Protein backbone atom coordinates (compact mmCIF):
# COMPACT_ATOMS: atom_id res chain seq x y z
CA MET A 1 152.14 73.18 118.20
CA ASN A 2 154.25 75.55 116.50
CA ILE A 3 151.75 79.23 115.94
CA ILE A 4 152.74 82.05 115.13
CA ILE A 5 150.83 85.10 115.84
CA CYS A 6 151.17 88.19 113.58
CA GLY A 7 150.68 91.55 115.52
CA ALA A 8 151.76 92.47 119.62
CA GLY A 9 148.87 94.46 120.09
CA THR A 10 145.95 93.64 122.90
CA VAL A 11 144.37 90.46 120.89
CA GLY A 12 147.71 89.60 119.55
CA SER A 13 150.14 89.35 123.02
CA HIS A 14 146.88 88.03 125.19
CA THR A 15 146.95 85.04 123.05
CA ALA A 16 150.17 84.44 123.04
CA GLU A 17 149.77 84.60 127.10
CA VAL A 18 146.98 81.93 126.86
CA LEU A 19 148.92 79.90 124.47
CA ALA A 20 151.73 80.30 125.32
CA SER A 21 150.70 78.84 129.24
CA ALA A 22 148.96 75.88 127.70
CA GLY A 23 152.64 74.86 126.20
CA HIS A 24 152.26 76.04 122.40
CA ALA A 25 155.27 76.89 120.79
CA ILE A 26 154.63 80.92 120.14
CA THR A 27 156.36 82.97 118.02
CA MET A 28 155.05 86.47 117.82
CA ILE A 29 155.89 89.21 114.89
CA ASP A 30 155.19 92.45 115.09
CA LEU A 31 157.30 96.15 114.14
CA ASN A 32 156.92 97.71 117.32
CA ALA A 33 160.65 96.80 119.55
CA ASP A 34 159.16 98.21 122.00
CA ARG A 35 156.10 96.11 122.22
CA LEU A 36 158.08 92.76 121.50
CA ALA A 37 160.43 93.83 124.48
CA LEU A 38 157.69 94.01 127.00
CA ILE A 39 156.26 90.36 125.82
CA GLU A 40 159.89 88.93 126.10
CA GLU A 41 159.84 89.90 129.92
CA THR A 42 156.82 88.70 130.28
CA MET A 43 155.72 85.95 128.48
CA ASP A 44 157.97 82.34 127.70
CA VAL A 45 158.12 83.26 123.56
CA ARG A 46 159.98 83.86 120.49
CA THR A 47 159.77 87.23 119.39
CA LEU A 48 160.79 88.82 115.81
CA GLU A 49 160.65 91.84 114.85
CA GLY A 50 159.87 92.25 111.06
CA ASN A 51 156.64 93.28 108.57
CA CYS A 52 154.65 90.11 108.33
CA VAL A 53 153.36 90.76 105.35
CA TYR A 54 156.77 89.64 103.76
CA GLY A 55 157.42 86.40 102.63
CA GLU A 56 161.25 86.08 104.31
CA VAL A 57 159.97 87.22 107.41
CA LEU A 58 156.95 84.83 108.04
CA LEU A 59 160.03 82.45 106.85
CA SER A 60 162.07 83.52 109.95
CA GLY A 61 159.64 82.89 111.95
CA GLY A 62 158.88 79.47 111.46
CA ALA A 63 155.81 79.41 108.30
CA ALA A 64 157.81 76.45 106.57
CA LYS A 65 156.82 74.32 109.88
CA ALA A 66 154.48 76.15 112.05
CA ASP A 67 150.96 74.51 112.11
CA LEU A 68 149.22 77.66 112.78
CA LEU A 69 149.46 81.35 111.92
CA PHE A 70 146.48 84.23 113.79
CA ALA A 71 146.99 87.86 111.82
CA ALA A 72 145.84 89.61 114.58
CA THR A 73 147.09 93.78 113.94
CA GLU A 74 145.01 96.89 113.41
CA SER A 75 144.64 96.27 110.38
CA ASP A 76 142.02 93.52 108.40
CA GLU A 77 143.80 94.23 104.95
CA ILE A 78 147.35 93.66 106.96
CA ASN A 79 145.97 90.47 108.18
CA LEU A 80 144.45 88.58 104.99
CA LEU A 81 147.36 89.37 103.11
CA SER A 82 150.17 87.70 106.03
CA ALA A 83 147.33 85.28 106.50
CA SER A 84 147.03 84.06 102.61
CA VAL A 85 150.85 84.36 101.78
CA ALA A 86 151.57 82.21 104.96
CA LYS A 87 148.96 80.06 103.76
CA GLY A 88 151.25 79.71 100.59
CA LEU A 89 154.33 79.77 102.79
CA GLY A 90 153.32 76.08 104.37
CA VAL A 91 151.39 77.11 107.33
CA ASP A 92 149.02 74.21 107.78
CA GLN A 93 146.05 76.34 108.96
CA THR A 94 145.64 80.04 109.31
CA ILE A 95 143.07 82.80 110.93
CA ALA A 96 142.80 86.41 110.36
CA ARG A 97 141.73 88.65 112.44
CA VAL A 98 138.87 90.96 110.98
CA ARG A 99 136.41 94.23 111.91
CA HIS A 100 134.67 95.05 108.95
CA SER A 101 131.41 93.24 107.77
CA ALA A 102 132.73 93.22 104.26
CA TYR A 103 135.48 90.42 104.69
CA PHE A 104 133.52 88.75 107.41
CA THR A 105 129.99 87.73 105.87
CA ASN A 106 129.27 88.94 102.82
CA LEU A 107 127.16 86.80 101.26
CA ASP A 108 128.18 87.46 98.05
CA MET A 109 132.21 87.68 98.00
CA ASP A 110 133.79 84.35 99.98
CA TYR A 111 137.19 86.19 100.82
CA GLY A 112 138.58 83.20 102.93
CA SER A 113 138.38 80.55 99.89
CA LEU A 114 139.81 83.83 97.55
CA LEU A 115 142.68 84.09 99.66
CA GLY A 116 142.92 80.71 101.09
CA ILE A 117 142.32 81.39 104.60
CA ASP A 118 140.79 79.29 106.76
CA HIS A 119 139.20 80.84 109.43
CA PHE A 120 138.54 84.68 109.84
CA ILE A 121 137.98 86.41 113.72
CA SER A 122 136.88 89.11 115.10
CA PRO A 123 136.41 90.02 118.61
CA GLU A 124 134.05 92.92 117.62
CA HIS A 125 131.33 90.33 116.05
CA LEU A 126 131.99 87.67 118.68
CA THR A 127 131.41 89.96 121.21
CA ALA A 128 128.36 91.69 119.52
CA ILE A 129 126.37 88.76 119.18
CA THR A 130 126.97 87.33 122.87
CA ILE A 131 125.61 90.71 124.10
CA ALA A 132 122.88 90.06 121.89
CA ALA A 133 121.95 86.90 122.54
CA THR A 134 122.63 87.78 126.82
CA LEU A 135 119.58 89.97 126.23
CA ARG A 136 117.49 87.79 123.85
CA ASN A 137 117.77 84.16 125.17
CA PRO A 138 119.98 81.59 125.57
CA GLY A 139 119.67 79.52 122.52
CA ALA A 140 120.72 82.28 120.70
CA LEU A 141 124.55 82.70 120.63
CA ALA A 142 124.51 78.33 119.73
CA ILE A 143 123.34 79.72 116.06
CA GLU A 144 124.92 82.46 115.75
CA ASN A 145 128.50 81.68 116.68
CA PHE A 146 127.34 78.31 113.61
CA ALA A 147 126.45 81.20 111.53
CA ARG A 148 126.93 84.55 111.80
CA GLY A 149 122.96 86.13 111.42
CA ARG A 150 121.83 83.99 109.06
CA VAL A 151 120.09 81.11 110.66
CA GLN A 152 118.17 82.23 113.65
CA MET A 153 117.74 80.32 116.87
CA GLN A 154 115.37 81.25 120.23
CA GLU A 155 113.87 78.88 122.40
CA MET A 156 109.88 80.28 123.79
CA THR A 157 107.14 79.43 125.72
CA VAL A 158 103.76 79.04 123.41
CA GLY A 159 101.40 81.91 123.75
CA THR A 160 97.25 81.52 124.56
CA GLY A 161 95.35 81.56 121.56
CA VAL A 162 97.98 81.60 118.71
CA PRO A 163 97.66 80.25 115.18
CA ALA A 164 99.60 77.10 116.04
CA GLY A 165 97.76 76.04 119.53
CA GLY A 166 96.15 72.50 118.96
CA ARG A 167 97.78 71.51 115.46
CA THR A 168 100.41 69.60 114.53
CA LEU A 169 103.66 69.99 113.42
CA SER A 170 102.47 68.53 109.74
CA ASP A 171 98.99 71.32 110.22
CA LEU A 172 101.73 74.32 110.10
CA GLY A 173 102.10 74.91 106.44
CA ALA A 174 98.83 75.50 105.94
CA LEU A 175 98.60 77.90 108.60
CA GLY A 176 102.05 79.63 106.63
CA MET A 177 104.64 78.70 108.43
CA PRO A 178 107.54 79.15 106.32
CA SER A 179 110.17 77.19 104.50
CA GLY A 180 113.39 77.09 105.95
CA THR A 181 111.77 77.45 109.45
CA ARG A 182 111.27 74.08 111.96
CA VAL A 183 110.30 73.74 115.55
CA ALA A 184 113.64 71.68 116.67
CA ALA A 185 112.81 70.33 120.37
CA LEU A 186 109.36 70.61 122.30
CA THR A 187 109.13 70.60 126.19
CA ARG A 188 106.44 69.94 127.82
CA GLU A 189 105.98 69.52 131.26
CA GLY A 190 109.43 69.29 132.25
CA VAL A 191 109.91 66.16 129.29
CA SER A 192 111.77 67.02 126.83
CA ARG A 193 111.98 65.96 122.84
CA VAL A 194 112.14 66.15 119.31
CA PRO A 195 108.58 66.83 117.86
CA GLU A 196 107.33 64.47 114.93
CA ALA A 197 105.07 65.87 112.41
CA ARG A 198 102.32 64.31 114.52
CA THR A 199 103.29 66.08 118.00
CA GLU A 200 100.18 68.49 118.99
CA ILE A 201 101.18 72.17 119.77
CA HIS A 202 99.93 73.63 123.09
CA ALA A 203 99.89 76.66 124.65
CA GLY A 204 102.45 76.47 127.86
CA ASP A 205 104.89 74.72 125.07
CA THR A 206 108.26 75.10 125.42
CA ILE A 207 109.70 74.53 121.99
CA VAL A 208 113.02 75.65 120.34
CA LEU A 209 112.27 77.66 117.12
CA VAL A 210 114.75 77.32 114.28
CA GLY A 211 114.95 79.32 111.20
CA ASN A 212 116.36 81.12 107.63
CA ALA A 213 116.72 85.14 109.55
CA ASP A 214 114.59 86.43 106.33
CA VAL A 215 111.22 84.71 107.53
CA PHE A 216 112.02 83.64 111.17
CA SER A 217 109.74 86.75 111.99
CA LYS A 218 107.11 84.68 110.02
CA ALA A 219 107.85 82.02 111.83
CA ARG A 220 107.56 83.48 115.49
CA LYS A 221 104.10 84.75 114.94
CA LEU A 222 102.53 81.34 114.99
CA PHE A 223 103.64 80.86 118.28
CA ARG A 224 103.87 83.82 120.15
CA LYS A 225 101.74 86.64 119.88
CA GLU A 226 103.97 89.76 119.38
CA ASN A 227 104.29 92.20 122.57
CA LYS A 228 103.30 95.49 121.56
CA SER A 229 105.82 96.73 124.28
CA ARG A 230 109.61 97.34 122.90
CA ARG A 231 112.39 96.67 125.40
CA SER A 232 114.30 99.73 125.40
CA VAL A 233 118.42 99.70 124.73
CA ALA A 234 120.70 102.63 125.04
CA ILE A 235 123.86 101.78 123.71
CA MET A 236 127.31 104.46 123.99
CA GLY A 237 129.49 104.94 121.96
CA GLY A 238 129.54 103.96 117.48
CA SER A 239 132.27 101.38 117.53
CA THR A 240 131.88 98.72 114.94
CA MET A 241 131.09 96.19 117.86
CA ALA A 242 128.41 98.75 118.54
CA VAL A 243 127.10 97.94 115.05
CA TRP A 244 127.14 94.08 114.67
CA LEU A 245 125.25 95.09 117.75
CA CYS A 246 122.43 96.74 116.60
CA ARG A 247 122.00 94.18 113.78
CA ALA A 248 121.77 91.14 115.96
CA LEU A 249 119.06 92.79 117.91
CA LYS A 250 117.21 93.76 114.63
CA ASP A 251 113.60 92.94 114.87
CA HIS A 252 114.21 91.49 118.11
CA ASN A 253 111.11 93.46 119.75
CA PHE A 254 113.88 95.84 121.02
CA ALA A 255 113.93 100.25 120.71
CA ILE A 256 117.47 100.85 120.10
CA ARG A 257 119.08 104.28 121.16
CA LEU A 258 123.04 104.53 119.64
CA PHE A 259 125.03 108.07 121.57
CA GLU A 260 127.66 108.73 119.55
CA ILE A 261 129.54 112.20 120.70
CA ASN A 262 131.17 112.75 117.14
CA ARG A 263 129.15 114.21 114.97
CA GLU A 264 130.32 113.22 111.51
CA ARG A 265 130.08 109.12 112.79
CA ALA A 266 126.91 109.58 114.50
CA GLU A 267 125.61 110.97 110.76
CA GLU A 268 126.71 107.90 109.38
CA LEU A 269 125.70 105.74 111.82
CA ALA A 270 122.11 107.33 111.45
CA GLU A 271 122.59 106.01 107.26
CA LYS A 272 123.62 102.51 107.91
CA LEU A 273 121.37 101.85 111.26
CA GLU A 274 117.96 103.43 109.91
CA TRP A 275 116.25 100.67 112.77
CA ALA A 276 118.12 102.23 115.63
CA THR A 277 117.66 105.52 116.69
CA VAL A 278 120.99 107.62 116.61
CA ILE A 279 121.86 110.64 118.88
CA ASN A 280 124.63 113.19 118.61
CA ALA A 281 125.82 113.14 122.40
CA ASP A 282 127.11 111.71 125.63
CA PRO A 283 124.34 109.91 127.36
CA THR A 284 126.49 110.14 130.88
CA ASP A 285 125.96 113.56 129.99
CA PRO A 286 123.12 114.26 133.75
CA THR A 287 121.06 116.75 131.18
CA VAL A 288 121.43 114.20 128.02
CA PHE A 289 120.53 111.39 130.92
CA ALA A 290 117.46 113.32 132.23
CA ASP A 291 116.32 114.41 128.55
CA GLU A 292 116.42 110.85 127.48
CA HIS A 293 114.62 109.33 129.71
CA LEU A 294 117.41 106.72 130.31
CA ALA A 295 116.71 106.00 133.96
CA GLU A 296 113.86 103.83 132.07
CA ALA A 297 115.98 101.47 130.13
CA ASP A 298 116.17 98.66 130.35
CA VAL A 299 119.28 98.09 129.73
CA PHE A 300 122.30 100.76 129.21
CA VAL A 301 125.50 98.73 127.51
CA ALA A 302 128.42 100.86 127.03
CA LEU A 303 130.99 100.34 124.24
CA ARG A 304 133.99 102.32 124.54
CA THR A 305 136.17 99.94 123.07
CA GLU A 306 139.31 101.80 124.63
CA ASP A 307 138.34 102.47 127.31
CA ASP A 308 137.59 100.38 130.25
CA GLU A 309 137.70 102.33 133.27
CA HIS A 310 135.09 104.75 131.00
CA ASN A 311 132.88 102.01 130.41
CA ILE A 312 132.51 100.43 133.77
CA LEU A 313 131.95 103.82 135.45
CA SER A 314 129.29 104.96 132.57
CA CYS A 315 127.45 101.44 133.74
CA ALA A 316 127.79 102.36 137.90
CA TRP A 317 126.35 105.65 137.46
CA ALA A 318 123.82 104.53 134.96
CA LYS A 319 122.95 101.27 137.39
CA SER A 320 122.91 104.10 140.26
CA LEU A 321 119.82 105.74 138.26
CA GLY A 322 118.04 103.59 137.65
CA VAL A 323 118.76 101.68 134.45
CA LYS A 324 117.31 97.65 135.33
CA ARG A 325 120.73 96.63 133.76
CA VAL A 326 123.88 96.83 132.29
CA ALA A 327 126.54 95.33 130.22
CA CYS A 328 129.89 96.46 129.76
CA THR A 329 133.38 95.78 127.32
CA VAL A 330 136.60 95.97 129.22
CA GLN A 331 140.14 95.04 126.68
CA ARG A 332 141.29 94.02 130.62
CA PRO A 333 139.95 90.16 131.31
CA ASN A 334 141.91 90.80 134.60
CA TYR A 335 138.73 93.30 135.35
CA LEU A 336 136.23 90.58 135.00
CA HIS A 337 135.99 89.49 138.44
CA LEU A 338 135.09 92.77 139.52
CA MET A 339 132.02 93.69 137.60
CA LYS A 340 129.58 92.16 139.67
CA HIS A 341 130.76 93.89 143.43
CA VAL A 342 130.07 97.41 141.19
CA GLY A 343 126.73 96.72 139.72
CA ILE A 344 127.06 95.75 136.15
CA ASP A 345 124.88 93.16 135.75
CA TYR A 346 126.79 91.69 132.34
CA PRO A 347 130.99 92.10 131.96
CA PHE A 348 132.15 90.84 128.23
CA ALA A 349 136.46 90.51 127.46
CA PRO A 350 136.58 90.64 123.58
CA ARG A 351 140.01 89.41 123.97
CA THR A 352 139.25 86.17 126.12
CA MET A 353 136.42 85.83 123.63
CA ALA A 354 138.32 85.53 120.64
CA VAL A 355 141.02 83.01 122.45
CA LYS A 356 138.50 80.89 122.85
CA GLU A 357 137.25 80.89 119.64
CA ILE A 358 140.82 80.10 118.44
CA GLU A 359 141.42 76.94 120.97
CA ASN A 360 138.05 75.47 119.61
CA ILE A 361 139.84 75.85 116.51
CA LEU A 362 142.58 73.84 117.66
CA LEU A 363 140.63 71.45 119.14
CA ASP A 364 139.65 70.43 116.08
CA ARG A 365 136.91 68.10 116.78
CA ARG A 366 134.94 66.40 114.66
CA LEU A 367 131.77 66.64 116.85
CA HIS A 368 131.53 69.62 119.41
CA GLN A 369 129.18 70.51 122.09
CA LEU A 370 127.57 74.71 121.39
CA ALA A 371 125.30 75.10 123.57
CA THR A 372 122.77 73.19 126.50
CA LEU A 373 118.97 74.54 125.67
CA ALA A 374 115.91 73.25 127.56
CA ALA A 375 117.12 73.31 130.96
CA GLY A 376 120.02 71.09 130.47
CA SER A 377 117.42 68.71 128.80
CA VAL A 378 118.39 69.82 125.30
CA ASP A 379 121.85 69.77 123.88
CA VAL A 380 122.61 71.46 120.69
CA TYR A 381 125.94 70.27 118.40
CA GLN A 382 128.06 71.19 115.72
CA VAL A 383 129.20 68.50 113.68
CA LYS A 384 131.22 68.21 110.72
CA MET A 385 131.05 65.83 108.02
CA GLY A 386 133.46 62.84 107.05
CA THR A 387 133.99 61.07 103.56
CA ARG A 388 132.49 57.54 105.49
CA SER A 389 129.53 59.49 107.01
CA PRO A 390 126.74 56.66 106.20
CA VAL A 391 124.53 60.24 106.01
CA VAL A 392 126.73 62.06 103.38
CA GLY A 393 124.66 61.89 99.89
CA LYS A 394 121.11 61.05 101.56
CA ALA A 395 118.35 63.58 101.84
CA LEU A 396 117.13 64.37 105.28
CA ARG A 397 114.03 62.48 104.67
CA GLU A 398 115.97 59.12 105.00
CA ILE A 399 117.88 59.89 107.90
CA ARG A 400 116.60 58.41 110.86
CA LEU A 401 117.34 60.63 113.95
CA SER A 402 114.22 61.02 115.20
CA PRO A 403 112.64 60.61 117.72
CA GLU A 404 115.83 61.58 119.28
CA TRP A 405 117.97 64.28 117.06
CA VAL A 406 117.11 66.65 114.74
CA ILE A 407 119.51 68.18 111.94
CA ALA A 408 118.67 72.19 112.15
CA ALA A 409 121.11 73.69 109.86
CA ILE A 410 123.65 72.93 106.92
CA GLN A 411 126.63 74.92 106.59
CA ASN A 412 129.31 74.95 103.54
CA ALA A 413 130.64 76.82 100.16
CA ASP A 414 127.34 77.67 99.34
CA GLY A 415 125.94 79.21 102.57
CA VAL A 416 124.45 78.23 105.54
CA LYS A 417 120.48 77.63 105.38
CA VAL A 418 117.56 75.82 107.91
CA PRO A 419 117.39 72.35 105.20
CA ARG A 420 114.54 70.68 103.79
CA ALA A 421 113.64 67.42 103.74
CA ASP A 422 115.08 66.70 100.59
CA ASP A 423 118.51 68.36 101.23
CA ALA A 424 120.87 66.15 100.88
CA ILE A 425 124.52 66.37 103.47
CA GLY A 426 128.18 66.62 101.44
CA VAL A 427 130.99 65.68 102.39
CA GLY A 428 132.62 68.42 104.86
CA ASP A 429 129.70 69.86 105.14
CA THR A 430 129.05 71.46 108.97
CA VAL A 431 125.90 70.19 110.49
CA LEU A 432 123.94 72.04 113.49
CA VAL A 433 121.88 68.98 115.37
CA ILE A 434 119.70 69.44 118.09
CA GLY A 435 118.23 66.91 120.15
CA ARG A 436 118.10 64.81 123.79
CA SER A 437 121.04 65.39 126.02
CA GLY A 438 122.74 62.75 127.08
CA GLU A 439 122.33 61.14 123.84
CA GLU A 440 126.02 61.53 122.23
CA SER A 441 127.30 58.07 121.54
CA LYS A 442 124.69 57.19 119.88
CA LEU A 443 124.90 60.67 117.77
CA LYS A 444 128.54 59.42 116.75
CA LYS A 445 127.43 55.87 115.53
CA VAL A 446 125.03 57.54 113.13
CA LEU A 447 126.54 60.09 112.31
CA GLY A 448 129.47 57.95 111.66
CA VAL A 449 131.86 60.84 113.74
CA ASP A 450 135.14 59.30 115.42
């Protein structure tokens, strides 16, 4: 494929390196001649010095015949404009890297449709939700990548003495199970299945609960007694990624302390993140560490995004003083293999996550697997519906996927939600399907996916 990458910074250059190694023809555009010279020395890519928002520069880079353009400069606005102009010049698919949540998850403004941009990627957001999912449960990542936090999913064990115990799924509405939530899978004595209306919920069952974010907590209380003691998370660095992480952990039984050394930034974050405790201090200061009793924290997360060494050393230091688990981000993926050796439990590389997202876009598969749950017994798939699908236009109650599968969420131009029985699937909708492993070929046939 012919691919243009705008911006020879850390994300753009790493993307170029990976995609060029995979055999794609890469053209890198940047204003910085020194950056381009370094790339020419180390990679087999074409370079072009210029401003990527100018149409003539993009045309010189091959925009009229390009298969993909990835705008990955340090400016959201430049990325948006470059991707939009490129789309108008004939690029088949465009991707814009964005940092600010106003562009990425604004429920009232679809910037992709307004500007003609096919995909948005935020390495900071991808990393934050991956960290949050790692701290919460393995199923969370699949749904958050799909729905950007608007729908939640959790794999949990049904507690004793809870309202849902001994009741069937059809009884749950009378118990207060909100619309927009559903039990998508149930595992009992090692056997997993998609439950039916008459299926009883028993204490000790493992369920996969899916729900719209605004009602998910209410539904969860039917299956789990709320834990009075919350897990303590200490976050170092008030970066954009830290904000995403605080949002992803909100209302998930975490007590969050966010440490930021810049007072002005700390005050800004305190107003923005009212559910977190924002502290204007350095958690690696021994006095602060002792005063805040950070040795008792369940997790310490280092998110100073441009300082790999400080992140690594801070985590190793915190772990040596008693913190149970530590996580950090590194900009250089070649550091990842060293993390376990220095005691870091959860290492993350935002650049690597961004490239994986782009590779998924390039594959452009109608159906692909997002996650495996219930110890490998349940799969989560994302499916894009075409015009020839036999289920398009039908209400969910008319679609016979059970007992193997259930449609857990629908994403379209109107947003993303957990559907009701009367909701229908439209052409171009993307659906999240959860069900028994090993039945992919049958799923393709039922949904009409090649």
